[in-house]
Amino acid sequence: MTDPVEEISMDDQTRTEIEAAAFRGLIEHLQKRTDAQNIDIMNLAGFCRNCLSKWYLAAAEKRGADITHDDALIAVYGMPYDEWKNKHQKEASTEQKAKFQNTKPLHAKISGH
């Protein structure tokens, strides 16, 4: 299977810059959409803000960057995780929790975490 991104003609530096800008756009959007609960995003798409922070941390560690899990959470949430939870996270309903369990096989896999 061919990677469709590799089919686009551009140099590696440009591709990296575009991918980084797209990631920053996603993070900015999720920071604004505090009404979008992680469990709902996870149930629908199989990943959430926490997955993004784990991918961020794994990429940083792979490159030898000295950051912590808390640093990665702040990079994604725009504030400490506990602060975000206190301000924006609602208690998950029984239905949300059941759907979470039922969709677990489809959830994102985070290498090394």
Protein backbone atom coordinates (compact mmCIF):
# COMPACT_ATOMS: atom_id res chain seq x y z
CA MET A 1 0.00 0.00 0.00
CA THR A 2 1.43 3.38 -1.02
CA ASP A 3 1.46 6.24 1.47
CA PRO A 4 -0.69 8.97 -0.17
CA VAL A 5 1.36 11.70 1.53
CA GLU A 6 4.52 10.41 -0.13
CA GLU A 7 2.78 10.77 -3.50
CA ILE A 8 2.66 14.56 -3.00
CA SER A 9 5.73 16.15 -4.52
CA MET A 10 7.54 18.24 -1.92
CA ASP A 11 10.75 18.18 0.02
CA ASP A 12 10.94 16.66 3.51
CA GLN A 13 11.38 20.02 5.26
CA THR A 14 8.24 21.47 3.63
CA ARG A 15 6.26 18.32 4.45
CA THR A 16 7.41 18.49 8.08
CA GLU A 17 6.44 22.18 8.33
CA ILE A 18 3.00 21.51 6.82
CA GLU A 19 2.39 18.54 9.12
CA ALA A 20 3.47 20.60 12.14
CA ALA A 21 1.15 23.44 11.14
CA ALA A 22 -1.74 21.00 10.72
CA PHE A 23 -1.02 19.53 14.17
CA ARG A 24 -0.93 23.01 15.72
CA GLY A 25 -4.26 23.78 14.02
CA LEU A 26 -5.81 20.63 15.50
CA ILE A 27 -4.48 21.47 18.96
CA GLU A 28 -5.76 25.06 18.73
CA HIS A 29 -9.18 23.81 17.65
CA LEU A 30 -9.39 21.28 20.49
CA GLN A 31 -8.31 23.92 23.01
CA LYS A 32 -11.20 26.12 21.86
CA ARG A 33 -13.70 23.26 21.81
CA THR A 34 -13.72 22.53 25.52
CA ASP A 35 -17.32 21.38 25.07
CA ALA A 36 -16.06 18.39 23.07
CA GLN A 37 -15.48 15.85 25.81
CA ASN A 38 -12.58 13.42 25.47
CA ILE A 39 -14.83 10.40 25.89
CA ASP A 40 -17.07 11.57 23.03
CA ILE A 41 -14.07 12.18 20.76
CA MET A 42 -12.63 8.79 21.77
CA ASN A 43 -15.94 7.00 21.17
CA LEU A 44 -16.33 8.59 17.74
CA ALA A 45 -12.78 8.78 16.43
CA GLY A 46 -10.80 6.36 18.60
CA PHE A 47 -8.40 9.01 19.91
CA CYS A 48 -8.62 12.07 22.15
CA ARG A 49 -6.50 14.83 23.64
CA ASN A 50 -4.78 12.32 25.92
CA CYS A 51 -3.75 10.23 22.91
CA LEU A 52 -2.36 13.35 21.23
CA SER A 53 -0.33 14.14 24.33
CA LYS A 54 1.04 10.58 24.41
CA TRP A 55 1.97 10.76 20.71
CA TYR A 56 3.62 14.12 21.39
CA LEU A 57 5.61 12.67 24.29
CA ALA A 58 6.62 9.58 22.31
CA ALA A 59 7.85 11.75 19.42
CA ALA A 60 9.77 14.00 21.82
CA GLU A 61 11.40 11.02 23.56
CA LYS A 62 12.33 9.48 20.21
CA ARG A 63 14.17 12.69 19.37
CA GLY A 64 15.86 12.91 22.77
CA ALA A 65 13.86 15.90 24.00
CA ASP A 66 13.73 16.19 27.77
CA ILE A 67 10.01 16.62 28.47
CA THR A 68 7.64 14.99 30.91
CA HIS A 69 4.17 13.57 30.48
CA ASP A 70 2.85 16.69 32.22
CA ASP A 71 4.70 18.87 29.68
CA ALA A 72 3.05 16.94 26.84
CA LEU A 73 -0.38 17.34 28.45
CA ILE A 74 0.16 21.11 28.74
CA ALA A 75 1.24 21.26 25.08
CA VAL A 76 -2.07 19.68 24.05
CA TYR A 77 -4.50 21.07 26.64
CA GLY A 78 -2.94 24.54 26.89
CA MET A 79 -2.90 24.22 30.69
CA PRO A 80 -2.16 21.58 33.32
CA TYR A 81 -4.38 18.54 32.86
CA ASP A 82 -5.95 18.73 36.34
CA GLU A 83 -6.89 22.37 35.71
CA TRP A 84 -8.52 21.45 32.39
CA LYS A 85 -10.42 18.58 34.01
CA ASN A 86 -11.71 20.83 36.79
CA LYS A 87 -12.82 23.53 34.35
CA HIS A 88 -14.17 21.49 31.45
CA GLN A 89 -14.55 17.75 32.02
CA LYS A 90 -17.99 16.43 32.80
CA GLU A 91 -18.80 13.08 34.40
CA ALA A 92 -19.24 10.44 31.70
CA SER A 93 -22.69 8.91 31.42
CA THR A 94 -23.34 5.20 31.67
CA GLU A 95 -23.98 5.17 27.90
CA GLN A 96 -20.69 6.94 27.16
CA LYS A 97 -18.77 4.51 29.36
CA ALA A 98 -20.47 1.50 27.70
CA LYS A 99 -19.67 2.82 24.21
CA PHE A 100 -16.07 3.42 25.31
CA GLN A 101 -15.75 -0.23 26.33
CA ASN A 102 -17.43 -1.44 23.14
CA THR A 103 -15.15 0.62 20.88
CA LYS A 104 -11.89 -0.23 22.70
CA PRO A 105 -10.58 -2.43 19.87
CA LEU A 106 -10.77 0.64 17.60
CA HIS A 107 -8.92 3.00 19.95
CA ALA A 108 -5.57 4.49 18.98
CA LYS A 109 -2.45 2.52 19.77
CA ILE A 110 0.34 4.56 21.30
CA SER A 111 3.78 3.04 20.79
CA GLY A 112 5.93 2.95 23.87
CA HIS A 113 3.09 4.06 26.15
